[in-house]
Amino acid sequence: MAAREEERRRLRRDLHDGLGTVLTAVTLKADAAHNLRRTDPERSGRLLLDLRADVTTAIADIRRLVYDLRPPDLDELGLVGALRRRAQQSWRREHAGCVVTVDAPDDLPPLPAAVEVAGEVSDNGSGGAGAWPHGVGLRSMHERAAELGGTLTAGPTDRGGRVHARLPLERS
């Protein structure tokens, strides 16, 4: 429950402070470009180019917000495929020399959307060696698993770090 409310707070803040601000600036620049179109066409043209950049930024923000709500890989590949793709991408990009594995059956039945999204929660892995401190990332993963009636364990092992989530196939 707390994780869901935190996500709503983040989404509200992103919409208001990020996207809302960009779209307000777009409106003001459009008005300015319109007002200058006859008296200063060169400046009006620069404002229109700025507008285009602002709209491109807004589109990128919308895509990011939509992706954060439900990653498209879940619809395209299902939970196991999406997790495997994410593991492969993070290994290549961030953790060279580290092996990331996803241990799950290939024939997993269709899952409720809440279970799939909970299975995609991530942490930045910055805990280092020794016991993992429970920061926002690990706390969020624990809370989301518990919301669904599941469990999560995470921490160092003798073979590296391990995050193990047990999520129910049906929401209780």
N, C-alpha and C. Protein backbone atom coordinates (compact mmCIF):
# COMPACT_ATOMS: atom_id res chain seq x y z
N MET A 1 0.82 -1.18 0.00
CA MET A 1 0.00 0.00 0.00
C MET A 1 0.87 1.26 0.00
N ALA A 2 1.90 1.27 0.83
CA ALA A 2 2.78 2.43 0.89
C ALA A 2 3.52 2.62 -0.43
N ALA A 3 3.94 1.51 -1.05
CA ALA A 3 4.64 1.61 -2.33
C ALA A 3 3.74 2.19 -3.40
N ARG A 4 2.47 1.80 -3.41
CA ARG A 4 1.52 2.31 -4.40
C ARG A 4 1.31 3.82 -4.20
N GLU A 5 1.16 4.24 -2.96
CA GLU A 5 0.97 5.67 -2.69
C GLU A 5 2.21 6.47 -3.04
N GLU A 6 3.37 5.90 -2.78
CA GLU A 6 4.62 6.58 -3.16
C GLU A 6 4.71 6.72 -4.67
N GLU A 7 4.29 5.68 -5.40
CA GLU A 7 4.29 5.74 -6.86
C GLU A 7 3.32 6.80 -7.37
N ARG A 8 2.16 6.89 -6.75
CA ARG A 8 1.18 7.93 -7.13
C ARG A 8 1.74 9.32 -6.87
N ARG A 9 2.42 9.49 -5.74
CA ARG A 9 3.03 10.77 -5.41
C ARG A 9 4.09 11.14 -6.46
N ARG A 10 4.91 10.15 -6.83
CA ARG A 10 5.95 10.40 -7.83
C ARG A 10 5.32 10.77 -9.17
N LEU A 11 4.27 10.04 -9.56
CA LEU A 11 3.60 10.31 -10.83
C LEU A 11 2.98 11.71 -10.82
N ARG A 12 2.31 12.06 -9.74
CA ARG A 12 1.71 13.40 -9.62
C ARG A 12 2.78 14.48 -9.74
N ARG A 13 3.89 14.28 -9.05
CA ARG A 13 4.99 15.26 -9.09
C ARG A 13 5.57 15.36 -10.50
N ASP A 14 5.78 14.21 -11.15
CA ASP A 14 6.31 14.23 -12.51
C ASP A 14 5.37 14.92 -13.49
N LEU A 15 4.07 14.65 -13.34
CA LEU A 15 3.10 15.29 -14.24
C LEU A 15 3.02 16.79 -13.99
N HIS A 16 2.96 17.18 -12.72
CA HIS A 16 2.81 18.60 -12.40
C HIS A 16 4.10 19.39 -12.65
N ASP A 17 5.18 18.94 -12.04
CA ASP A 17 6.42 19.71 -12.10
C ASP A 17 7.17 19.54 -13.41
N GLY A 18 7.06 18.39 -14.02
CA GLY A 18 7.78 18.15 -15.27
C GLY A 18 6.95 18.48 -16.48
N LEU A 19 6.02 17.62 -16.80
CA LEU A 19 5.21 17.77 -18.00
C LEU A 19 4.36 19.04 -17.96
N GLY A 20 3.76 19.35 -16.82
CA GLY A 20 2.94 20.56 -16.70
C GLY A 20 3.74 21.82 -16.97
N THR A 21 4.94 21.87 -16.45
CA THR A 21 5.81 23.04 -16.67
C THR A 21 6.20 23.18 -18.13
N VAL A 22 6.56 22.06 -18.76
CA VAL A 22 6.94 22.10 -20.17
C VAL A 22 5.77 22.57 -21.03
N LEU A 23 4.58 22.03 -20.78
CA LEU A 23 3.42 22.42 -21.59
C LEU A 23 3.00 23.88 -21.34
N THR A 24 3.18 24.36 -20.13
CA THR A 24 2.92 25.78 -19.86
C THR A 24 3.88 26.65 -20.65
N ALA A 25 5.15 26.27 -20.68
CA ALA A 25 6.15 27.03 -21.45
C ALA A 25 5.81 26.98 -22.94
N VAL A 26 5.33 25.85 -23.43
CA VAL A 26 4.94 25.73 -24.84
C VAL A 26 3.84 26.75 -25.16
N THR A 27 2.85 26.84 -24.30
CA THR A 27 1.75 27.79 -24.51
C THR A 27 2.26 29.22 -24.55
N LEU A 28 3.11 29.59 -23.61
CA LEU A 28 3.64 30.95 -23.57
C LEU A 28 4.51 31.27 -24.79
N LYS A 29 5.34 30.33 -25.21
CA LYS A 29 6.18 30.54 -26.39
C LYS A 29 5.34 30.61 -27.66
N ALA A 30 4.29 29.82 -27.73
CA ALA A 30 3.40 29.88 -28.90
C ALA A 30 2.75 31.26 -29.00
N ASP A 31 2.29 31.77 -27.87
CA ASP A 31 1.70 33.12 -27.85
C ASP A 31 2.73 34.17 -28.28
N ALA A 32 3.95 34.05 -27.74
CA ALA A 32 5.00 35.01 -28.09
C ALA A 32 5.35 34.94 -29.56
N ALA A 33 5.49 33.72 -30.10
CA ALA A 33 5.81 33.56 -31.52
C ALA A 33 4.69 34.15 -32.38
N HIS A 34 3.46 33.94 -32.00
CA HIS A 34 2.32 34.51 -32.73
C HIS A 34 2.36 36.02 -32.70
N ASN A 35 2.64 36.59 -31.54
CA ASN A 35 2.68 38.05 -31.40
C ASN A 35 3.83 38.68 -32.17
N LEU A 36 4.90 37.96 -32.39
CA LEU A 36 6.09 38.49 -33.08
C LEU A 36 6.14 38.16 -34.57
N ARG A 37 5.20 37.41 -35.07
CA ARG A 37 5.28 36.90 -36.44
C ARG A 37 5.41 38.02 -37.47
N ARG A 38 4.81 39.18 -37.25
CA ARG A 38 4.90 40.29 -38.23
C ARG A 38 6.01 41.28 -37.89
N THR A 39 6.19 41.58 -36.61
CA THR A 39 7.17 42.61 -36.23
C THR A 39 8.60 42.08 -36.16
N ASP A 40 8.78 40.82 -35.81
CA ASP A 40 10.12 40.24 -35.69
C ASP A 40 10.08 38.77 -36.11
N PRO A 41 9.94 38.53 -37.44
CA PRO A 41 9.79 37.15 -37.91
C PRO A 41 10.98 36.26 -37.55
N GLU A 42 12.17 36.83 -37.47
CA GLU A 42 13.35 36.02 -37.13
C GLU A 42 13.24 35.49 -35.70
N ARG A 43 12.90 36.36 -34.78
CA ARG A 43 12.72 35.93 -33.38
C ARG A 43 11.54 34.97 -33.25
N SER A 44 10.49 35.23 -33.99
CA SER A 44 9.34 34.33 -33.99
C SER A 44 9.75 32.93 -34.45
N GLY A 45 10.59 32.88 -35.47
CA GLY A 45 11.09 31.60 -35.97
C GLY A 45 11.92 30.87 -34.94
N ARG A 46 12.77 31.60 -34.20
CA ARG A 46 13.57 30.97 -33.15
C ARG A 46 12.67 30.40 -32.05
N LEU A 47 11.62 31.17 -31.72
CA LEU A 47 10.68 30.68 -30.71
C LEU A 47 9.97 29.41 -31.17
N LEU A 48 9.64 29.36 -32.47
CA LEU A 48 9.00 28.15 -33.00
C LEU A 48 9.94 26.95 -32.93
N LEU A 49 11.22 27.18 -33.19
CA LEU A 49 12.19 26.08 -33.05
C LEU A 49 12.31 25.63 -31.59
N ASP A 50 12.28 26.60 -30.66
CA ASP A 50 12.29 26.26 -29.24
C ASP A 50 11.04 25.45 -28.88
N LEU A 51 9.90 25.85 -29.46
CA LEU A 51 8.66 25.14 -29.22
C LEU A 51 8.78 23.68 -29.63
N ARG A 52 9.37 23.48 -30.80
CA ARG A 52 9.53 22.11 -31.29
C ARG A 52 10.38 21.29 -30.31
N ALA A 53 11.44 21.87 -29.80
CA ALA A 53 12.29 21.17 -28.83
C ALA A 53 11.51 20.88 -27.55
N ASP A 54 10.72 21.85 -27.10
CA ASP A 54 9.93 21.65 -25.88
C ASP A 54 8.89 20.54 -26.06
N VAL A 55 8.26 20.50 -27.22
CA VAL A 55 7.26 19.47 -27.49
C VAL A 55 7.94 18.09 -27.57
N THR A 56 9.12 18.04 -28.18
CA THR A 56 9.88 16.78 -28.24
C THR A 56 10.21 16.29 -26.83
N THR A 57 10.59 17.21 -25.95
CA THR A 57 10.87 16.86 -24.55
C THR A 57 9.61 16.36 -23.86
N ALA A 58 8.47 17.02 -24.11
CA ALA A 58 7.20 16.59 -23.50
C ALA A 58 6.83 15.19 -23.96
N ILE A 59 7.02 14.90 -25.24
CA ILE A 59 6.71 13.57 -25.76
C ILE A 59 7.60 12.52 -25.08
N ALA A 60 8.87 12.84 -24.91
CA ALA A 60 9.78 11.90 -24.24
C ALA A 60 9.34 11.68 -22.79
N ASP A 61 8.90 12.75 -22.11
CA ASP A 61 8.42 12.61 -20.74
C ASP A 61 7.17 11.74 -20.67
N ILE A 62 6.25 11.92 -21.60
CA ILE A 62 5.04 11.10 -21.63
C ILE A 62 5.41 9.64 -21.84
N ARG A 63 6.31 9.37 -22.76
CA ARG A 63 6.74 7.99 -23.00
C ARG A 63 7.37 7.38 -21.75
N ARG A 64 8.20 8.16 -21.05
CA ARG A 64 8.83 7.67 -19.83
C ARG A 64 7.78 7.38 -18.76
N LEU A 65 6.82 8.27 -18.60
CA LEU A 65 5.77 8.05 -17.60
C LEU A 65 4.94 6.82 -17.93
N VAL A 66 4.59 6.65 -19.19
CA VAL A 66 3.81 5.48 -19.60
C VAL A 66 4.62 4.22 -19.39
N TYR A 67 5.89 4.25 -19.75
CA TYR A 67 6.75 3.08 -19.55
C TYR A 67 6.85 2.73 -18.08
N ASP A 68 6.98 3.77 -17.22
CA ASP A 68 7.08 3.52 -15.79
C ASP A 68 5.81 2.89 -15.22
N LEU A 69 4.65 3.20 -15.80
CA LEU A 69 3.40 2.62 -15.33
C LEU A 69 3.31 1.13 -15.66
N ARG A 70 3.69 0.77 -16.87
CA ARG A 70 3.70 -0.64 -17.28
C ARG A 70 4.67 -0.77 -18.45
N PRO A 71 5.82 -1.35 -18.20
CA PRO A 71 6.81 -1.50 -19.27
C PRO A 71 6.22 -2.26 -20.47
N PRO A 72 6.40 -1.75 -21.69
CA PRO A 72 5.87 -2.39 -22.89
C PRO A 72 6.36 -3.83 -23.07
N ASP A 73 7.56 -4.14 -22.56
CA ASP A 73 8.08 -5.50 -22.68
C ASP A 73 7.15 -6.53 -22.04
N LEU A 74 6.41 -6.13 -21.01
CA LEU A 74 5.48 -7.07 -20.38
C LEU A 74 4.41 -7.52 -21.36
N ASP A 75 3.87 -6.59 -22.13
CA ASP A 75 2.84 -6.94 -23.11
C ASP A 75 3.43 -7.72 -24.28
N GLU A 76 4.63 -7.35 -24.67
CA GLU A 76 5.26 -7.97 -25.83
C GLU A 76 5.82 -9.36 -25.52
N LEU A 77 6.47 -9.51 -24.37
CA LEU A 77 7.22 -10.73 -24.07
C LEU A 77 6.68 -11.53 -22.88
N GLY A 78 5.77 -10.98 -22.11
CA GLY A 78 5.34 -11.62 -20.87
C GLY A 78 6.37 -11.36 -19.79
N LEU A 79 6.03 -11.76 -18.57
CA LEU A 79 6.90 -11.45 -17.44
C LEU A 79 8.30 -12.06 -17.57
N VAL A 80 8.38 -13.34 -17.86
CA VAL A 80 9.69 -14.00 -17.90
C VAL A 80 10.55 -13.41 -19.02
N GLY A 81 9.97 -13.21 -20.20
CA GLY A 81 10.74 -12.62 -21.30
C GLY A 81 11.20 -11.21 -20.98
N ALA A 82 10.32 -10.43 -20.35
CA ALA A 82 10.68 -9.04 -19.99
C ALA A 82 11.79 -9.02 -18.95
N LEU A 83 11.70 -9.91 -17.96
CA LEU A 83 12.77 -9.97 -16.95
C LEU A 83 14.09 -10.40 -17.57
N ARG A 84 14.04 -11.36 -18.47
CA ARG A 84 15.28 -11.81 -19.11
C ARG A 84 15.89 -10.70 -19.97
N ARG A 85 15.04 -9.98 -20.69
CA ARG A 85 15.56 -8.86 -21.49
C ARG A 85 16.16 -7.79 -20.59
N ARG A 86 15.47 -7.46 -19.49
CA ARG A 86 15.98 -6.44 -18.57
C ARG A 86 17.31 -6.88 -17.96
N ALA A 87 17.41 -8.15 -17.59
CA ALA A 87 18.66 -8.65 -17.01
C ALA A 87 19.79 -8.55 -18.03
N GLN A 88 19.50 -8.91 -19.27
CA GLN A 88 20.52 -8.86 -20.32
C GLN A 88 20.95 -7.41 -20.59
N GLN A 89 20.01 -6.50 -20.65
CA GLN A 89 20.33 -5.09 -20.91
C GLN A 89 21.12 -4.48 -19.76
N SER A 90 20.72 -4.76 -18.51
CA SER A 90 21.44 -4.16 -17.38
C SER A 90 22.83 -4.74 -17.25
N TRP A 91 22.99 -6.02 -17.60
CA TRP A 91 24.31 -6.62 -17.55
C TRP A 91 25.24 -5.94 -18.54
N ARG A 92 24.76 -5.71 -19.75
CA ARG A 92 25.58 -5.07 -20.79
C ARG A 92 25.91 -3.63 -20.43
N ARG A 93 24.94 -2.90 -19.93
CA ARG A 93 25.08 -1.46 -19.74
C ARG A 93 25.80 -1.10 -18.46
N GLU A 94 25.42 -1.71 -17.35
CA GLU A 94 25.87 -1.21 -16.06
C GLU A 94 26.85 -2.09 -15.31
N HIS A 95 26.80 -3.38 -15.55
CA HIS A 95 27.54 -4.29 -14.67
C HIS A 95 28.46 -5.22 -15.45
N ALA A 96 29.31 -4.67 -16.26
CA ALA A 96 30.23 -5.51 -17.01
C ALA A 96 30.99 -6.41 -16.05
N GLY A 97 31.07 -7.67 -16.41
CA GLY A 97 31.75 -8.63 -15.56
C GLY A 97 30.83 -9.28 -14.54
N CYS A 98 29.59 -8.91 -14.52
CA CYS A 98 28.62 -9.46 -13.58
C CYS A 98 27.61 -10.30 -14.36
N VAL A 99 27.23 -11.43 -13.81
CA VAL A 99 26.26 -12.29 -14.47
C VAL A 99 24.91 -12.11 -13.78
N VAL A 100 23.89 -11.78 -14.57
CA VAL A 100 22.53 -11.62 -14.07
C VAL A 100 21.71 -12.76 -14.65
N THR A 101 21.04 -13.54 -13.79
CA THR A 101 20.23 -14.65 -14.28
C THR A 101 18.79 -14.49 -13.81
N VAL A 102 17.89 -15.03 -14.59
CA VAL A 102 16.47 -15.09 -14.24
C VAL A 102 16.11 -16.57 -14.23
N ASP A 103 15.75 -17.06 -13.08
CA ASP A 103 15.40 -18.47 -12.93
C ASP A 103 13.88 -18.58 -12.85
N ALA A 104 13.26 -18.88 -13.98
CA ALA A 104 11.79 -18.98 -14.05
C ALA A 104 11.42 -19.96 -15.14
N PRO A 105 10.28 -20.62 -14.99
CA PRO A 105 9.85 -21.54 -16.04
C PRO A 105 9.46 -20.80 -17.32
N ASP A 106 9.77 -21.40 -18.47
CA ASP A 106 9.42 -20.79 -19.75
C ASP A 106 7.91 -20.80 -20.00
N ASP A 107 7.21 -21.74 -19.42
CA ASP A 107 5.79 -21.91 -19.69
C ASP A 107 4.90 -21.32 -18.59
N LEU A 108 5.31 -20.21 -18.03
CA LEU A 108 4.54 -19.54 -16.99
C LEU A 108 3.18 -19.15 -17.54
N PRO A 109 2.10 -19.44 -16.83
CA PRO A 109 0.77 -19.07 -17.33
C PRO A 109 0.58 -17.56 -17.30
N PRO A 110 -0.42 -17.04 -18.02
CA PRO A 110 -0.69 -15.60 -17.96
C PRO A 110 -0.93 -15.17 -16.51
N LEU A 111 -0.39 -14.02 -16.17
CA LEU A 111 -0.48 -13.52 -14.79
C LEU A 111 -1.28 -12.24 -14.74
N PRO A 112 -1.88 -11.93 -13.58
CA PRO A 112 -2.55 -10.64 -13.42
C PRO A 112 -1.54 -9.50 -13.63
N ALA A 113 -2.01 -8.39 -14.14
CA ALA A 113 -1.13 -7.25 -14.42
C ALA A 113 -0.36 -6.80 -13.19
N ALA A 114 -1.00 -6.80 -12.03
CA ALA A 114 -0.32 -6.36 -10.80
C ALA A 114 0.87 -7.25 -10.47
N VAL A 115 0.74 -8.54 -10.71
CA VAL A 115 1.84 -9.47 -10.45
C VAL A 115 2.97 -9.23 -11.43
N GLU A 116 2.62 -9.02 -12.71
CA GLU A 116 3.67 -8.77 -13.71
C GLU A 116 4.44 -7.49 -13.39
N VAL A 117 3.75 -6.43 -13.07
CA VAL A 117 4.42 -5.16 -12.79
C VAL A 117 5.27 -5.28 -11.53
N ALA A 118 4.77 -5.95 -10.50
CA ALA A 118 5.55 -6.15 -9.27
C ALA A 118 6.82 -6.92 -9.57
N GLY A 119 6.76 -7.86 -10.51
CA GLY A 119 7.93 -8.65 -10.88
C GLY A 119 8.98 -7.83 -11.61
N GLU A 120 8.63 -6.63 -12.06
CA GLU A 120 9.58 -5.77 -12.79
C GLU A 120 10.22 -4.70 -11.92
N VAL A 121 9.94 -4.69 -10.62
CA VAL A 121 10.54 -3.67 -9.75
C VAL A 121 12.04 -3.86 -9.74
N SER A 122 12.77 -2.74 -9.72
CA SER A 122 14.23 -2.86 -9.74
C SER A 122 14.86 -2.01 -8.65
N ASP A 123 16.11 -2.30 -8.37
CA ASP A 123 16.89 -1.57 -7.39
C ASP A 123 18.23 -1.27 -8.05
N ASN A 124 18.87 -0.19 -7.65
CA ASN A 124 20.11 0.19 -8.31
C ASN A 124 21.31 -0.63 -7.88
N GLY A 125 21.15 -1.50 -6.91
CA GLY A 125 22.22 -2.41 -6.52
C GLY A 125 23.43 -1.73 -5.92
N SER A 126 23.28 -0.55 -5.34
CA SER A 126 24.44 0.18 -4.83
C SER A 126 24.78 -0.18 -3.40
N GLY A 127 24.26 -1.28 -2.89
CA GLY A 127 24.50 -1.65 -1.50
C GLY A 127 25.92 -2.08 -1.19
N GLY A 128 26.66 -2.55 -2.19
CA GLY A 128 28.03 -2.97 -1.96
C GLY A 128 28.10 -4.32 -1.27
N ALA A 129 29.26 -4.65 -0.74
CA ALA A 129 29.46 -5.94 -0.08
C ALA A 129 28.85 -5.91 1.32
N GLY A 130 28.66 -7.08 1.89
CA GLY A 130 28.08 -7.17 3.23
C GLY A 130 26.57 -7.11 3.18
N ALA A 131 25.95 -6.98 4.34
CA ALA A 131 24.49 -6.94 4.42
C ALA A 131 23.95 -5.77 3.61
N TRP A 132 22.84 -5.99 2.96
CA TRP A 132 22.25 -4.94 2.14
C TRP A 132 21.37 -4.05 3.00
N PRO A 133 21.63 -2.77 3.01
CA PRO A 133 20.76 -1.87 3.78
C PRO A 133 19.40 -1.75 3.08
N HIS A 134 18.36 -1.66 3.85
CA HIS A 134 17.01 -1.57 3.27
C HIS A 134 16.68 -0.11 3.00
N GLY A 135 17.05 0.34 1.81
CA GLY A 135 16.71 1.68 1.36
C GLY A 135 15.36 1.65 0.65
N VAL A 136 15.08 2.69 -0.09
CA VAL A 136 13.79 2.81 -0.78
C VAL A 136 13.58 1.68 -1.78
N GLY A 137 14.60 1.30 -2.53
CA GLY A 137 14.45 0.26 -3.55
C GLY A 137 14.06 -1.09 -2.97
N LEU A 138 14.82 -1.57 -1.98
CA LEU A 138 14.50 -2.86 -1.37
C LEU A 138 13.18 -2.80 -0.60
N ARG A 139 12.94 -1.70 0.08
CA ARG A 139 11.68 -1.56 0.82
C ARG A 139 10.50 -1.62 -0.14
N SER A 140 10.63 -0.94 -1.29
CA SER A 140 9.57 -0.94 -2.29
C SER A 140 9.32 -2.34 -2.83
N MET A 141 10.39 -3.09 -3.10
CA MET A 141 10.22 -4.46 -3.59
C MET A 141 9.53 -5.34 -2.56
N HIS A 142 9.92 -5.21 -1.28
CA HIS A 142 9.27 -5.97 -0.21
C HIS A 142 7.78 -5.63 -0.12
N GLU A 143 7.47 -4.33 -0.16
CA GLU A 143 6.07 -3.89 -0.03
C GLU A 143 5.22 -4.37 -1.20
N ARG A 144 5.77 -4.30 -2.41
CA ARG A 144 4.98 -4.72 -3.57
C ARG A 144 4.74 -6.22 -3.56
N ALA A 145 5.71 -6.99 -3.14
CA ALA A 145 5.50 -8.43 -3.03
C ALA A 145 4.45 -8.73 -1.96
N ALA A 146 4.53 -8.05 -0.82
CA ALA A 146 3.57 -8.27 0.26
C ALA A 146 2.15 -7.86 -0.15
N GLU A 147 2.01 -6.78 -0.91
CA GLU A 147 0.69 -6.35 -1.39
C GLU A 147 -0.03 -7.45 -2.16
N LEU A 148 0.76 -8.27 -2.84
CA LEU A 148 0.20 -9.34 -3.67
C LEU A 148 0.11 -10.67 -2.93
N GLY A 149 0.49 -10.67 -1.66
CA GLY A 149 0.47 -11.92 -0.91
C GLY A 149 1.73 -12.74 -1.12
N GLY A 150 2.78 -12.12 -1.61
CA GLY A 150 4.03 -12.81 -1.87
C GLY A 150 5.10 -12.45 -0.87
N THR A 151 6.31 -12.92 -1.13
CA THR A 151 7.44 -12.62 -0.26
C THR A 151 8.65 -12.26 -1.11
N LEU A 152 9.59 -11.59 -0.49
CA LEU A 152 10.83 -11.23 -1.17
C LEU A 152 11.97 -11.34 -0.18
N THR A 153 13.04 -11.96 -0.61
CA THR A 153 14.28 -11.97 0.17
C THR A 153 15.37 -11.43 -0.72
N ALA A 154 16.27 -10.68 -0.14
CA ALA A 154 17.36 -10.09 -0.92
C ALA A 154 18.57 -9.92 -0.02
N GLY A 155 19.74 -10.15 -0.60
CA GLY A 155 20.96 -9.96 0.15
C GLY A 155 22.13 -10.68 -0.48
N PRO A 156 23.28 -10.52 0.12
CA PRO A 156 24.48 -11.16 -0.41
C PRO A 156 24.46 -12.66 -0.13
N THR A 157 25.09 -13.41 -1.02
CA THR A 157 25.28 -14.84 -0.82
C THR A 157 26.76 -15.13 -1.06
N ASP A 158 27.15 -16.38 -0.91
CA ASP A 158 28.55 -16.71 -1.16
C ASP A 158 28.89 -16.68 -2.65
N ARG A 159 27.86 -16.56 -3.52
CA ARG A 159 28.09 -16.48 -4.97
C ARG A 159 27.68 -15.13 -5.54
N GLY A 160 27.52 -14.11 -4.71
CA GLY A 160 27.10 -12.79 -5.17
C GLY A 160 25.75 -12.43 -4.58
N GLY A 161 25.15 -11.35 -5.06
CA GLY A 161 23.87 -10.91 -4.54
C GLY A 161 22.72 -11.72 -5.12
N ARG A 162 21.61 -11.81 -4.37
CA ARG A 162 20.46 -12.56 -4.84
C ARG A 162 19.19 -11.85 -4.38
N VAL A 163 18.27 -11.69 -5.32
CA VAL A 163 16.94 -11.19 -5.02
C VAL A 163 15.97 -12.29 -5.42
N HIS A 164 15.17 -12.75 -4.48
CA HIS A 164 14.24 -13.85 -4.74
C HIS A 164 12.83 -13.39 -4.36
N ALA A 165 11.97 -13.29 -5.37
CA ALA A 165 10.58 -12.91 -5.15
C ALA A 165 9.70 -14.12 -5.39
N ARG A 166 8.81 -14.37 -4.48
CA ARG A 166 7.80 -15.43 -4.65
C ARG A 166 6.46 -14.71 -4.70
N LEU A 167 5.87 -14.71 -5.92
CA LEU A 167 4.62 -14.00 -6.13
C LEU A 167 3.52 -15.00 -6.50
N PRO A 168 2.32 -14.82 -5.97
CA PRO A 168 1.24 -15.75 -6.28
C PRO A 168 0.79 -15.61 -7.72
N LEU A 169 0.31 -16.71 -8.30
CA LEU A 169 -0.21 -16.66 -9.66
C LEU A 169 -1.55 -15.92 -9.72
N GLU A 170 -2.27 -15.96 -8.61
CA GLU A 170 -3.54 -15.24 -8.54
C GLU A 170 -3.49 -14.31 -7.34
N ARG A 171 -4.12 -13.16 -7.49
CA ARG A 171 -4.16 -12.21 -6.39
C ARG A 171 -5.17 -12.70 -5.36
N SER A 172 -4.76 -12.73 -4.08
CA SER A 172 -5.66 -13.23 -3.04
C SER A 172 -6.61 -12.17 -2.54
